[in-house]
């Protein structure tokens, strides 16, 4: 009987822990756009931008924001290239 119950539990899918990958992608895209807006368009200092994004908008640490920016450098580069073309 014990062998049957262990086989049964192998087919039960455990719920995914943590945040949805799709929601993280959306958050990161918005974060990159907001960073660009505040840093390049509004011409705010980097430390002020990180503080605002961290405390007022995304509720994650400034260090994590910098990691996200580095991980999504291509998206940020595309924003820069759009303004260069204008």
C-alpha atoms as a PDB file:
ATOM      1  CA  UNK A   1       0.000   0.000   0.000  1.00  0.00           C
ATOM      2  CA  UNK A   2       2.840   2.351   0.771  1.00  0.00           C
ATOM      3  CA  UNK A   3       4.307   1.958  -2.738  1.00  0.00           C
ATOM      4  CA  UNK A   4       0.966   2.892  -4.297  1.00  0.00           C
ATOM      5  CA  UNK A   5       0.677   6.133  -2.339  1.00  0.00           C
ATOM      6  CA  UNK A   6       4.206   7.236  -3.252  1.00  0.00           C
ATOM      7  CA  UNK A   7       3.458   6.650  -6.936  1.00  0.00           C
ATOM      8  CA  UNK A   8       0.284   8.717  -6.613  1.00  0.00           C
ATOM      9  CA  UNK A   9       2.180  11.698  -5.165  1.00  0.00           C
ATOM     10  CA  UNK A  10       4.677  11.731  -8.023  1.00  0.00           C
ATOM     11  CA  UNK A  11       1.931  12.991 -10.327  1.00  0.00           C
ATOM     12  CA  UNK A  12       0.860  15.865  -8.110  1.00  0.00           C
ATOM     13  CA  UNK A  13       2.504  19.038  -9.349  1.00  0.00           C
ATOM     14  CA  UNK A  14       3.843  21.280  -6.621  1.00  0.00           C
ATOM     15  CA  UNK A  15       2.888  24.925  -6.971  1.00  0.00           C
ATOM     16  CA  UNK A  16       5.631  27.226  -8.199  1.00  0.00           C
ATOM     17  CA  UNK A  17       7.213  29.211  -5.426  1.00  0.00           C
ATOM     18  CA  UNK A  18       8.130  32.845  -5.758  1.00  0.00           C
ATOM     19  CA  UNK A  19       6.978  35.384  -8.286  1.00  0.00           C
ATOM     20  CA  UNK A  20       5.562  34.733 -11.716  1.00  0.00           C
ATOM     21  CA  UNK A  21       8.234  34.953 -14.415  1.00  0.00           C
ATOM     22  CA  UNK A  22       5.863  36.879 -16.659  1.00  0.00           C
ATOM     23  CA  UNK A  23       5.204  39.467 -13.951  1.00  0.00           C
ATOM     24  CA  UNK A  24       8.927  39.848 -13.282  1.00  0.00           C
ATOM     25  CA  UNK A  25       9.550  40.517 -16.969  1.00  0.00           C
ATOM     26  CA  UNK A  26       6.837  43.180 -17.011  1.00  0.00           C
ATOM     27  CA  UNK A  27       8.173  44.756 -13.799  1.00  0.00           C
ATOM     28  CA  UNK A  28      11.708  44.839 -15.157  1.00  0.00           C
ATOM     29  CA  UNK A  29      10.587  46.465 -18.417  1.00  0.00           C
ATOM     30  CA  UNK A  30       8.747  49.177 -16.504  1.00  0.00           C
ATOM     31  CA  UNK A  31      11.691  49.666 -14.159  1.00  0.00           C
ATOM     32  CA  UNK A  32      14.095  50.172 -17.082  1.00  0.00           C
ATOM     33  CA  UNK A  33      11.762  52.704 -18.699  1.00  0.00           C
ATOM     34  CA  UNK A  34      11.302  54.604 -15.433  1.00  0.00           C
ATOM     35  CA  UNK A  35      15.063  54.578 -14.803  1.00  0.00           C
ATOM     36  CA  UNK A  36      15.685  56.010 -18.254  1.00  0.00           C
ATOM     37  CA  UNK A  37      12.992  58.663 -17.773  1.00  0.00           C
ATOM     38  CA  UNK A  38      14.317  59.847 -14.437  1.00  0.00           C
ATOM     39  CA  UNK A  39      18.030  59.593 -15.228  1.00  0.00           C
ATOM     40  CA  UNK A  40      18.203  60.774 -18.840  1.00  0.00           C
ATOM     41  CA  UNK A  41      15.085  62.856 -19.440  1.00  0.00           C
ATOM     42  CA  UNK A  42      14.652  64.430 -16.004  1.00  0.00           C
ATOM     43  CA  UNK A  43      18.453  64.505 -15.525  1.00  0.00           C
ATOM     44  CA  UNK A  44      18.371  63.383 -11.895  1.00  0.00           C
ATOM     45  CA  UNK A  45      21.418  62.036 -10.088  1.00  0.00           C
ATOM     46  CA  UNK A  46      21.887  58.276 -10.053  1.00  0.00           C
ATOM     47  CA  UNK A  47      21.609  57.937  -6.281  1.00  0.00           C
ATOM     48  CA  UNK A  48      18.393  59.986  -6.275  1.00  0.00           C
ATOM     49  CA  UNK A  49      16.919  57.911  -9.097  1.00  0.00           C
ATOM     50  CA  UNK A  50      17.724  54.644  -7.331  1.00  0.00           C
ATOM     51  CA  UNK A  51      16.261  55.931  -4.083  1.00  0.00           C
ATOM     52  CA  UNK A  52      13.028  57.084  -5.763  1.00  0.00           C
ATOM     53  CA  UNK A  53      12.585  53.859  -7.714  1.00  0.00           C
ATOM     54  CA  UNK A  54      13.349  51.810  -4.622  1.00  0.00           C
ATOM     55  CA  UNK A  55      11.134  53.572  -2.112  1.00  0.00           C
ATOM     56  CA  UNK A  56       8.364  55.208  -4.140  1.00  0.00           C
ATOM     57  CA  UNK A  57       7.752  52.893  -7.075  1.00  0.00           C
ATOM     58  CA  UNK A  58       9.089  49.341  -6.971  1.00  0.00           C
ATOM     59  CA  UNK A  59       9.785  48.580  -3.290  1.00  0.00           C
ATOM     60  CA  UNK A  60      13.011  46.716  -3.948  1.00  0.00           C
ATOM     61  CA  UNK A  61      16.520  47.623  -2.852  1.00  0.00           C
ATOM     62  CA  UNK A  62      18.710  50.002  -4.858  1.00  0.00           C
ATOM     63  CA  UNK A  63      21.248  47.192  -5.233  1.00  0.00           C
ATOM     64  CA  UNK A  64      18.603  44.937  -6.797  1.00  0.00           C
ATOM     65  CA  UNK A  65      17.543  47.761  -9.112  1.00  0.00           C
ATOM     66  CA  UNK A  66      21.136  48.066 -10.342  1.00  0.00           C
ATOM     67  CA  UNK A  67      21.265  44.287 -10.890  1.00  0.00           C
ATOM     68  CA  UNK A  68      18.054  44.437 -12.940  1.00  0.00           C
ATOM     69  CA  UNK A  69      19.446  47.300 -15.023  1.00  0.00           C
ATOM     70  CA  UNK A  70      22.630  45.332 -15.693  1.00  0.00           C
ATOM     71  CA  UNK A  71      20.666  42.173 -16.547  1.00  0.00           C
ATOM     72  CA  UNK A  72      18.513  44.176 -18.990  1.00  0.00           C
ATOM     73  CA  UNK A  73      21.219  46.341 -20.509  1.00  0.00           C
ATOM     74  CA  UNK A  74      20.021  45.582 -24.057  1.00  0.00           C
ATOM     75  CA  UNK A  75      16.610  47.106 -23.355  1.00  0.00           C
ATOM     76  CA  UNK A  76      18.241  50.220 -21.901  1.00  0.00           C
ATOM     77  CA  UNK A  77      20.541  50.454 -24.933  1.00  0.00           C
ATOM     78  CA  UNK A  78      17.483  50.370 -27.218  1.00  0.00           C
ATOM     79  CA  UNK A  79      16.007  53.339 -25.347  1.00  0.00           C
ATOM     80  CA  UNK A  80      19.256  55.246 -25.805  1.00  0.00           C
ATOM     81  CA  UNK A  81      19.436  54.390 -29.490  1.00  0.00           C
ATOM     82  CA  UNK A  82      15.864  55.636 -30.045  1.00  0.00           C
ATOM     83  CA  UNK A  83      16.787  59.058 -28.704  1.00  0.00           C
ATOM     84  CA  UNK A  84      19.996  59.126 -30.750  1.00  0.00           C
ATOM     85  CA  UNK A  85      17.963  58.592 -33.923  1.00  0.00           C
ATOM     86  CA  UNK A  86      15.601  61.486 -33.147  1.00  0.00           C
END
